Amino acid sequence: MTRPAFQDRPPLTERVSAYDERHLVTYIRLLDADEDGADWREVVQIIFGLDADQEPERARIVHDSHLARARWMTETGYRHLLEPRLQ
């Protein structure tokens, strides 16, 4: 599976960004893993290809910030996906 390029922290915008759209599958995978109680270190390895033993601080930031954005998408962001786009 090809991983989309990612930033350590997703952009925190009030609307869904192009980054969010590219990472919808990533967000869903993070939410599923969280719901299943998966170890964040394993999740960050599988989803982002990061080794939490080699880069523990960065791996935690990437995991936690993207999971937070994924939760935002389920609470607020999804509404923006349903709105008609202005040309």
PDB file of N, CA and C in Angstrom:
ATOM      1  N   MET A   1       0.850  -1.174   0.000  1.00  0.00           N
ATOM      2  CA  MET A   1       0.000   0.000   0.000  1.00  0.00           C
ATOM      3  C   MET A   1       0.897   1.239   0.000  1.00  0.00           C
ATOM      4  N   THR A   2       0.592   2.188  -0.845  1.00  0.00           N
ATOM      5  CA  THR A   2       1.357   3.419  -0.925  1.00  0.00           C
ATOM      6  C   THR A   2       0.907   4.373   0.171  1.00  0.00           C
ATOM      7  N   ARG A   3       1.889   4.950   0.850  1.00  0.00           N
ATOM      8  CA  ARG A   3       1.573   5.918   1.899  1.00  0.00           C
ATOM      9  C   ARG A   3       1.631   7.314   1.316  1.00  0.00           C
ATOM     10  N   PRO A   4       0.594   8.128   1.532  1.00  0.00           N
ATOM     11  CA  PRO A   4       0.705   9.519   1.083  1.00  0.00           C
ATOM     12  C   PRO A   4       1.749  10.234   1.942  1.00  0.00           C
ATOM     13  N   ALA A   5       2.449  11.181   1.336  1.00  0.00           N
ATOM     14  CA  ALA A   5       3.431  11.966   2.089  1.00  0.00           C
ATOM     15  C   ALA A   5       2.706  12.652   3.242  1.00  0.00           C
ATOM     16  N   PHE A   6       3.390  12.727   4.372  1.00  0.00           N
ATOM     17  CA  PHE A   6       2.748  13.329   5.537  1.00  0.00           C
ATOM     18  C   PHE A   6       3.680  14.322   6.211  1.00  0.00           C
ATOM     19  N   GLN A   7       3.064  15.244   6.928  1.00  0.00           N
ATOM     20  CA  GLN A   7       3.788  16.186   7.764  1.00  0.00           C
ATOM     21  C   GLN A   7       3.762  15.646   9.186  1.00  0.00           C
ATOM     22  N   ASP A   8       4.652  16.127  10.033  1.00  0.00           N
ATOM     23  CA  ASP A   8       4.634  15.650  11.417  1.00  0.00           C
ATOM     24  C   ASP A   8       3.327  16.015  12.110  1.00  0.00           C
ATOM     25  N   ARG A   9       2.792  17.161  11.757  1.00  0.00           N
ATOM     26  CA  ARG A   9       1.488  17.590  12.286  1.00  0.00           C
ATOM     27  C   ARG A   9       0.621  18.023  11.106  1.00  0.00           C
ATOM     28  N   PRO A  10      -0.605  17.556  11.055  1.00  0.00           N
ATOM     29  CA  PRO A  10      -1.465  18.018   9.959  1.00  0.00           C
ATOM     30  C   PRO A  10      -1.782  19.495  10.153  1.00  0.00           C
ATOM     31  N   PRO A  11      -2.026  20.213   9.064  1.00  0.00           N
ATOM     32  CA  PRO A  11      -2.404  21.621   9.203  1.00  0.00           C
ATOM     33  C   PRO A  11      -3.697  21.741  10.013  1.00  0.00           C
ATOM     34  N   LEU A  12      -3.705  22.639  10.965  1.00  0.00           N
ATOM     35  CA  LEU A  12      -4.899  22.850  11.788  1.00  0.00           C
ATOM     36  C   LEU A  12      -5.677  24.020  11.215  1.00  0.00           C
ATOM     37  N   THR A  13      -6.566  23.703  10.336  1.00  0.00           N
ATOM     38  CA  THR A  13      -7.406  24.702   9.700  1.00  0.00           C
ATOM     39  C   THR A  13      -8.836  24.521  10.195  1.00  0.00           C
ATOM     40  N   GLU A  14      -9.643  25.548  10.003  1.00  0.00           N
ATOM     41  CA  GLU A  14     -11.039  25.462  10.430  1.00  0.00           C
ATOM     42  C   GLU A  14     -11.904  24.754   9.401  1.00  0.00           C
ATOM     43  N   ARG A  15     -11.342  24.517   8.244  1.00  0.00           N
ATOM     44  CA  ARG A  15     -12.039  23.809   7.187  1.00  0.00           C
ATOM     45  C   ARG A  15     -11.186  22.631   6.744  1.00  0.00           C
ATOM     46  N   VAL A  16     -11.791  21.708   6.069  1.00  0.00           N
ATOM     47  CA  VAL A  16     -11.069  20.564   5.536  1.00  0.00           C
ATOM     48  C   VAL A  16     -10.076  21.070   4.496  1.00  0.00           C
ATOM     49  N   SER A  17      -8.854  20.633   4.633  1.00  0.00           N
ATOM     50  CA  SER A  17      -7.798  21.062   3.712  1.00  0.00           C
ATOM     51  C   SER A  17      -7.518  19.970   2.676  1.00  0.00           C
ATOM     52  N   ALA A  18      -6.727  20.324   1.678  1.00  0.00           N
ATOM     53  CA  ALA A  18      -6.301  19.330   0.690  1.00  0.00           C
ATOM     54  C   ALA A  18      -5.526  18.215   1.394  1.00  0.00           C
ATOM     55  N   TYR A  19      -4.755  18.578   2.416  1.00  0.00           N
ATOM     56  CA  TYR A  19      -4.021  17.576   3.201  1.00  0.00           C
ATOM     57  C   TYR A  19      -5.001  16.588   3.832  1.00  0.00           C
ATOM     58  N   ASP A  20      -6.065  17.105   4.431  1.00  0.00           N
ATOM     59  CA  ASP A  20      -7.078  16.229   5.034  1.00  0.00           C
ATOM     60  C   ASP A  20      -7.679  15.297   3.986  1.00  0.00           C
ATOM     61  N   GLU A  21      -7.988  15.828   2.830  1.00  0.00           N
ATOM     62  CA  GLU A  21      -8.587  15.009   1.787  1.00  0.00           C
ATOM     63  C   GLU A  21      -7.640  13.890   1.359  1.00  0.00           C
ATOM     64  N   ARG A  22      -6.356  14.195   1.250  1.00  0.00           N
ATOM     65  CA  ARG A  22      -5.369  13.172   0.876  1.00  0.00           C
ATOM     66  C   ARG A  22      -5.220  12.112   1.967  1.00  0.00           C
ATOM     67  N   HIS A  23      -5.540  12.484   3.201  1.00  0.00           N
ATOM     68  CA  HIS A  23      -5.307  11.578   4.328  1.00  0.00           C
ATOM     69  C   HIS A  23      -6.580  10.994   4.931  1.00  0.00           C
ATOM     70  N   LEU A  24      -7.666  11.031   4.215  1.00  0.00           N
ATOM     71  CA  LEU A  24      -8.911  10.465   4.751  1.00  0.00           C
ATOM     72  C   LEU A  24      -8.739   8.995   5.122  1.00  0.00           C
ATOM     73  N   VAL A  25      -8.085   8.237   4.280  1.00  0.00           N
ATOM     74  CA  VAL A  25      -7.869   6.812   4.586  1.00  0.00           C
ATOM     75  C   VAL A  25      -6.968   6.679   5.813  1.00  0.00           C
ATOM     76  N   THR A  26      -5.949   7.514   5.904  1.00  0.00           N
ATOM     77  CA  THR A  26      -5.067   7.503   7.077  1.00  0.00           C
ATOM     78  C   THR A  26      -5.885   7.759   8.339  1.00  0.00           C
ATOM     79  N   TYR A  27      -6.741   8.759   8.288  1.00  0.00           N
ATOM     80  CA  TYR A  27      -7.563   9.099   9.453  1.00  0.00           C
ATOM     81  C   TYR A  27      -8.476   7.933   9.838  1.00  0.00           C
ATOM     82  N   ILE A  28      -9.073   7.301   8.857  1.00  0.00           N
ATOM     83  CA  ILE A  28      -9.958   6.169   9.144  1.00  0.00           C
ATOM     84  C   ILE A  28      -9.167   5.026   9.781  1.00  0.00           C
ATOM     85  N   ARG A  29      -7.983   4.761   9.255  1.00  0.00           N
ATOM     86  CA  ARG A  29      -7.147   3.697   9.814  1.00  0.00           C
ATOM     87  C   ARG A  29      -6.755   4.015  11.253  1.00  0.00           C
ATOM     88  N   LEU A  30      -6.423   5.278  11.525  1.00  0.00           N
ATOM     89  CA  LEU A  30      -6.074   5.672  12.895  1.00  0.00           C
ATOM     90  C   LEU A  30      -7.255   5.499  13.843  1.00  0.00           C
ATOM     91  N   LEU A  31      -8.425   5.915  13.405  1.00  0.00           N
ATOM     92  CA  LEU A  31      -9.619   5.774  14.244  1.00  0.00           C
ATOM     93  C   LEU A  31      -9.945   4.306  14.498  1.00  0.00           C
ATOM     94  N   ASP A  32      -9.824   3.488  13.473  1.00  0.00           N
ATOM     95  CA  ASP A  32     -10.079   2.047  13.640  1.00  0.00           C
ATOM     96  C   ASP A  32      -9.091   1.433  14.631  1.00  0.00           C
ATOM     97  N   ALA A  33      -7.817   1.782  14.474  1.00  0.00           N
ATOM     98  CA  ALA A  33      -6.789   1.236  15.370  1.00  0.00           C
ATOM     99  C   ALA A  33      -7.036   1.681  16.805  1.00  0.00           C
ATOM    100  N   ASP A  34      -7.411   2.942  16.974  1.00  0.00           N
ATOM    101  CA  ASP A  34      -7.691   3.457  18.313  1.00  0.00           C
ATOM    102  C   ASP A  34      -8.884   2.733  18.931  1.00  0.00           C
ATOM    103  N   GLU A  35      -9.912   2.549  18.135  1.00  0.00           N
ATOM    104  CA  GLU A  35     -11.107   1.845  18.609  1.00  0.00           C
ATOM    105  C   GLU A  35     -10.779   0.410  19.017  1.00  0.00           C
ATOM    106  N   ASP A  36      -9.853  -0.199  18.300  1.00  0.00           N
ATOM    107  CA  ASP A  36      -9.454  -1.578  18.599  1.00  0.00           C
ATOM    108  C   ASP A  36      -8.457  -1.675  19.749  1.00  0.00           C
ATOM    109  N   GLY A  37      -7.999  -0.524  20.244  1.00  0.00           N
ATOM    110  CA  GLY A  37      -7.048  -0.529  21.347  1.00  0.00           C
ATOM    111  C   GLY A  37      -5.635  -0.902  20.936  1.00  0.00           C
ATOM    112  N   ALA A  38      -5.305  -0.687  19.664  1.00  0.00           N
ATOM    113  CA  ALA A  38      -3.966  -1.031  19.171  1.00  0.00           C
ATOM    114  C   ALA A  38      -2.909  -0.145  19.822  1.00  0.00           C
ATOM    115  N   ASP A  39      -1.723  -0.688  20.000  1.00  0.00           N
ATOM    116  CA  ASP A  39      -0.591   0.051  20.559  1.00  0.00           C
ATOM    117  C   ASP A  39      -0.174   1.131  19.559  1.00  0.00           C
ATOM    118  N   TRP A  40      -0.061   2.362  20.036  1.00  0.00           N
ATOM    119  CA  TRP A  40       0.248   3.481  19.139  1.00  0.00           C
ATOM    120  C   TRP A  40       1.570   3.277  18.417  1.00  0.00           C
ATOM    121  N   ARG A  41       2.524   2.598  19.038  1.00  0.00           N
ATOM    122  CA  ARG A  41       3.827   2.371  18.405  1.00  0.00           C
ATOM    123  C   ARG A  41       3.695   1.468  17.173  1.00  0.00           C
ATOM    124  N   GLU A  42       2.858   0.468  17.287  1.00  0.00           N
ATOM    125  CA  GLU A  42       2.614  -0.405  16.139  1.00  0.00           C
ATOM    126  C   GLU A  42       1.840   0.343  15.054  1.00  0.00           C
ATOM    127  N   VAL A  43       0.884   1.140  15.465  1.00  0.00           N
ATOM    128  CA  VAL A  43       0.069   1.902  14.518  1.00  0.00           C
ATOM    129  C   VAL A  43       0.929   2.871  13.715  1.00  0.00           C
ATOM    130  N   VAL A  44       1.806   3.596  14.396  1.00  0.00           N
ATOM    131  CA  VAL A  44       2.637   4.587  13.705  1.00  0.00           C
ATOM    132  C   VAL A  44       3.623   3.903  12.761  1.00  0.00           C
ATOM    133  N   GLN A  45       4.033   2.688  13.099  1.00  0.00           N
ATOM    134  CA  GLN A  45       4.917   1.922  12.206  1.00  0.00           C
ATOM    135  C   GLN A  45       4.159   1.499  10.951  1.00  0.00           C
ATOM    136  N   ILE A  46       2.979   0.970  11.134  1.00  0.00           N
ATOM    137  CA  ILE A  46       2.196   0.454  10.002  1.00  0.00           C
ATOM    138  C   ILE A  46       1.684   1.582   9.113  1.00  0.00           C
ATOM    139  N   ILE A  47       1.118   2.614   9.704  1.00  0.00           N
ATOM    140  CA  ILE A  47       0.476   3.666   8.917  1.00  0.00           C
ATOM    141  C   ILE A  47       1.475   4.671   8.355  1.00  0.00           C
ATOM    142  N   PHE A  48       2.459   5.057   9.166  1.00  0.00           N
ATOM    143  CA  PHE A  48       3.385   6.108   8.744  1.00  0.00           C
ATOM    144  C   PHE A  48       4.791   5.600   8.424  1.00  0.00           C
ATOM    145  N   GLY A  49       5.066   4.354   8.756  1.00  0.00           N
ATOM    146  CA  GLY A  49       6.395   3.817   8.494  1.00  0.00           C
ATOM    147  C   GLY A  49       7.459   4.367   9.421  1.00  0.00           C
ATOM    148  N   LEU A  50       7.056   4.818  10.612  1.00  0.00           N
ATOM    149  CA  LEU A  50       7.994   5.366  11.588  1.00  0.00           C
ATOM    150  C   LEU A  50       8.303   4.345  12.667  1.00  0.00           C
ATOM    151  N   ASP A  51       9.540   4.315  13.080  1.00  0.00           N
ATOM    152  CA  ASP A  51       9.982   3.426  14.148  1.00  0.00           C
ATOM    153  C   ASP A  51       9.978   4.212  15.460  1.00  0.00           C
ATOM    154  N   ALA A  52       9.041   3.880  16.333  1.00  0.00           N
ATOM    155  CA  ALA A  52       8.900   4.598  17.599  1.00  0.00           C
ATOM    156  C   ALA A  52      10.099   4.389  18.516  1.00  0.00           C
ATOM    157  N   ASP A  53      10.856   3.317  18.314  1.00  0.00           N
ATOM    158  CA  ASP A  53      12.065   3.106  19.115  1.00  0.00           C
ATOM    159  C   ASP A  53      13.190   4.044  18.662  1.00  0.00           C
ATOM    160  N   GLN A  54      13.246   4.316  17.372  1.00  0.00           N
ATOM    161  CA  GLN A  54      14.289   5.175  16.817  1.00  0.00           C
ATOM    162  C   GLN A  54      13.962   6.665  16.982  1.00  0.00           C
ATOM    163  N   GLU A  55      12.701   7.015  16.812  1.00  0.00           N
ATOM    164  CA  GLU A  55      12.264   8.411  16.896  1.00  0.00           C
ATOM    165  C   GLU A  55      11.022   8.516  17.789  1.00  0.00           C
ATOM    166  N   PRO A  56      11.165   8.259  19.078  1.00  0.00           N
ATOM    167  CA  PRO A  56       9.972   8.191  19.935  1.00  0.00           C
ATOM    168  C   PRO A  56       9.174   9.496  20.004  1.00  0.00           C
ATOM    169  N   GLU A  57       9.854  10.621  20.115  1.00  0.00           N
ATOM    170  CA  GLU A  57       9.131  11.891  20.239  1.00  0.00           C
ATOM    171  C   GLU A  57       8.392  12.227  18.947  1.00  0.00           C
ATOM    172  N   ARG A  58       9.101  12.109  17.836  1.00  0.00           N
ATOM    173  CA  ARG A  58       8.468  12.412  16.545  1.00  0.00           C
ATOM    174  C   ARG A  58       7.324  11.445  16.273  1.00  0.00           C
ATOM    175  N   ALA A  59       7.530  10.170  16.518  1.00  0.00           N
ATOM    176  CA  ALA A  59       6.498   9.176  16.262  1.00  0.00           C
ATOM    177  C   ALA A  59       5.241   9.480  17.077  1.00  0.00           C
ATOM    178  N   ARG A  60       5.432   9.878  18.324  1.00  0.00           N
ATOM    179  CA  ARG A  60       4.273  10.193  19.180  1.00  0.00           C
ATOM    180  C   ARG A  60       3.543  11.430  18.679  1.00  0.00           C
ATOM    181  N   ILE A  61       4.306  12.444  18.262  1.00  0.00           N
ATOM    182  CA  ILE A  61       3.701  13.676  17.722  1.00  0.00           C
ATOM    183  C   ILE A  61       2.894  13.364  16.464  1.00  0.00           C
ATOM    184  N   VAL A  62       3.487  12.602  15.554  1.00  0.00           N
ATOM    185  CA  VAL A  62       2.803  12.255  14.306  1.00  0.00           C
ATOM    186  C   VAL A  62       1.513  11.492  14.617  1.00  0.00           C
ATOM    187  N   HIS A  63       1.622  10.487  15.461  1.00  0.00           N
ATOM    188  CA  HIS A  63       0.441   9.683  15.794  1.00  0.00           C
ATOM    189  C   HIS A  63      -0.642  10.533  16.458  1.00  0.00           C
ATOM    190  N   ASP A  64      -0.274  11.204  17.534  1.00  0.00           N
ATOM    191  CA  ASP A  64      -1.281  11.931  18.321  1.00  0.00           C
ATOM    192  C   ASP A  64      -1.910  13.081  17.545  1.00  0.00           C
ATOM    193  N   SER A  65      -1.119  13.816  16.781  1.00  0.00           N
ATOM    194  CA  SER A  65      -1.669  14.965  16.054  1.00  0.00           C
ATOM    195  C   SER A  65      -2.588  14.506  14.922  1.00  0.00           C
ATOM    196  N   HIS A  66      -2.226  13.434  14.249  1.00  0.00           N
ATOM    197  CA  HIS A  66      -3.092  12.942  13.177  1.00  0.00           C
ATOM    198  C   HIS A  66      -4.352  12.280  13.744  1.00  0.00           C
ATOM    199  N   LEU A  67      -4.241  11.611  14.873  1.00  0.00           N
ATOM    200  CA  LEU A  67      -5.434  11.042  15.500  1.00  0.00           C
ATOM    201  C   LEU A  67      -6.369  12.155  15.957  1.00  0.00           C
ATOM    202  N   ALA A  68      -5.833  13.217  16.503  1.00  0.00           N
ATOM    203  CA  ALA A  68      -6.669  14.349  16.912  1.00  0.00           C
ATOM    204  C   ALA A  68      -7.380  14.958  15.711  1.00  0.00           C
ATOM    205  N   ARG A  69      -6.657  15.077  14.590  1.00  0.00           N
ATOM    206  CA  ARG A  69      -7.284  15.628  13.381  1.00  0.00           C
ATOM    207  C   ARG A  69      -8.347  14.665  12.860  1.00  0.00           C
ATOM    208  N   ALA A  70      -8.089  13.383  12.949  1.00  0.00           N
ATOM    209  CA  ALA A  70      -9.082  12.392  12.530  1.00  0.00           C
ATOM    210  C   ALA A  70     -10.359  12.531  13.369  1.00  0.00           C
ATOM    211  N   ARG A  71     -10.186  12.740  14.651  1.00  0.00           N
ATOM    212  CA  ARG A  71     -11.366  12.933  15.519  1.00  0.00           C
ATOM    213  C   ARG A  71     -12.104  14.217  15.147  1.00  0.00           C
ATOM    214  N   TRP A  72     -11.341  15.278  14.839  1.00  0.00           N
ATOM    215  CA  TRP A  72     -11.961  16.540  14.410  1.00  0.00           C
ATOM    216  C   TRP A  72     -12.784  16.299  13.151  1.00  0.00           C
ATOM    217  N   MET A  73     -12.251  15.480  12.255  1.00  0.00           N
ATOM    218  CA  MET A  73     -12.982  15.193  11.008  1.00  0.00           C
ATOM    219  C   MET A  73     -14.316  14.512  11.311  1.00  0.00           C
ATOM    220  N   THR A  74     -14.364  13.654  12.321  1.00  0.00           N
ATOM    221  CA  THR A  74     -15.615  12.949  12.631  1.00  0.00           C
ATOM    222  C   THR A  74     -16.618  13.844  13.352  1.00  0.00           C
ATOM    223  N   GLU A  75     -16.118  14.886  14.004  1.00  0.00           N
ATOM    224  CA  GLU A  75     -16.994  15.760  14.781  1.00  0.00           C
ATOM    225  C   GLU A  75     -17.410  17.009  14.011  1.00  0.00           C
ATOM    226  N   THR A  76     -16.522  17.552  13.207  1.00  0.00           N
ATOM    227  CA  THR A  76     -16.764  18.826  12.539  1.00  0.00           C
ATOM    228  C   THR A  76     -16.437  18.789  11.053  1.00  0.00           C
ATOM    229  N   GLY A  77     -15.256  18.301  10.738  1.00  0.00           N
ATOM    230  CA  GLY A  77     -14.739  18.385   9.382  1.00  0.00           C
ATOM    231  C   GLY A  77     -15.601  17.729   8.325  1.00  0.00           C
ATOM    232  N   TYR A  78     -16.238  16.625   8.675  1.00  0.00           N
ATOM    233  CA  TYR A  78     -17.041  15.913   7.682  1.00  0.00           C
ATOM    234  C   TYR A  78     -18.121  16.799   7.086  1.00  0.00           C
ATOM    235  N   ARG A  79     -18.620  17.754   7.857  1.00  0.00           N
ATOM    236  CA  ARG A  79     -19.672  18.657   7.362  1.00  0.00           C
ATOM    237  C   ARG A  79     -19.188  19.440   6.151  1.00  0.00           C
ATOM    238  N   HIS A  80     -17.912  19.801   6.169  1.00  0.00           N
ATOM    239  CA  HIS A  80     -17.344  20.571   5.064  1.00  0.00           C
ATOM    240  C   HIS A  80     -17.260  19.733   3.791  1.00  0.00           C
ATOM    241  N   LEU A  81     -17.114  18.432   3.947  1.00  0.00           N
ATOM    242  CA  LEU A  81     -17.064  17.550   2.782  1.00  0.00           C
ATOM    243  C   LEU A  81     -18.424  17.445   2.101  1.00  0.00           C
ATOM    244  N   LEU A  82     -19.483  17.694   2.855  1.00  0.00           N
ATOM    245  CA  LEU A  82     -20.839  17.572   2.325  1.00  0.00           C
ATOM    246  C   LEU A  82     -21.338  18.863   1.684  1.00  0.00           C
ATOM    247  N   GLU A  83     -20.665  19.964   1.931  1.00  0.00           N
ATOM    248  CA  GLU A  83     -21.085  21.242   1.360  1.00  0.00           C
ATOM    249  C   GLU A  83     -20.720  21.317  -0.117  1.00  0.00           C
ATOM    250  N   PRO A  84     -21.558  22.007  -0.884  1.00  0.00           N
ATOM    251  CA  PRO A  84     -21.192  22.193  -2.302  1.00  0.00           C
ATOM    252  C   PRO A  84     -19.952  23.086  -2.395  1.00  0.00           C
ATOM    253  N   ARG A  85     -19.102  22.764  -3.344  1.00  0.00           N
ATOM    254  CA  ARG A  85     -17.886  23.567  -3.555  1.00  0.00           C
ATOM    255  C   ARG A  85     -18.202  24.762  -4.428  1.00  0.00           C
ATOM    256  N   LEU A  86     -17.653  25.888  -4.055  1.00  0.00           N
ATOM    257  CA  LEU A  86     -17.801  27.088  -4.876  1.00  0.00           C
ATOM    258  C   LEU A  86     -16.795  27.027  -6.006  1.00  0.00           C
ATOM    259  N   GLN A  87     -17.199  27.409  -7.162  1.00  0.00           N
ATOM    260  CA  GLN A  87     -16.309  27.391  -8.332  1.00  0.00           C
ATOM    261  C   GLN A  87     -15.428  28.604  -8.364  1.00  0.00           C
TER     262      GLN A  87
END
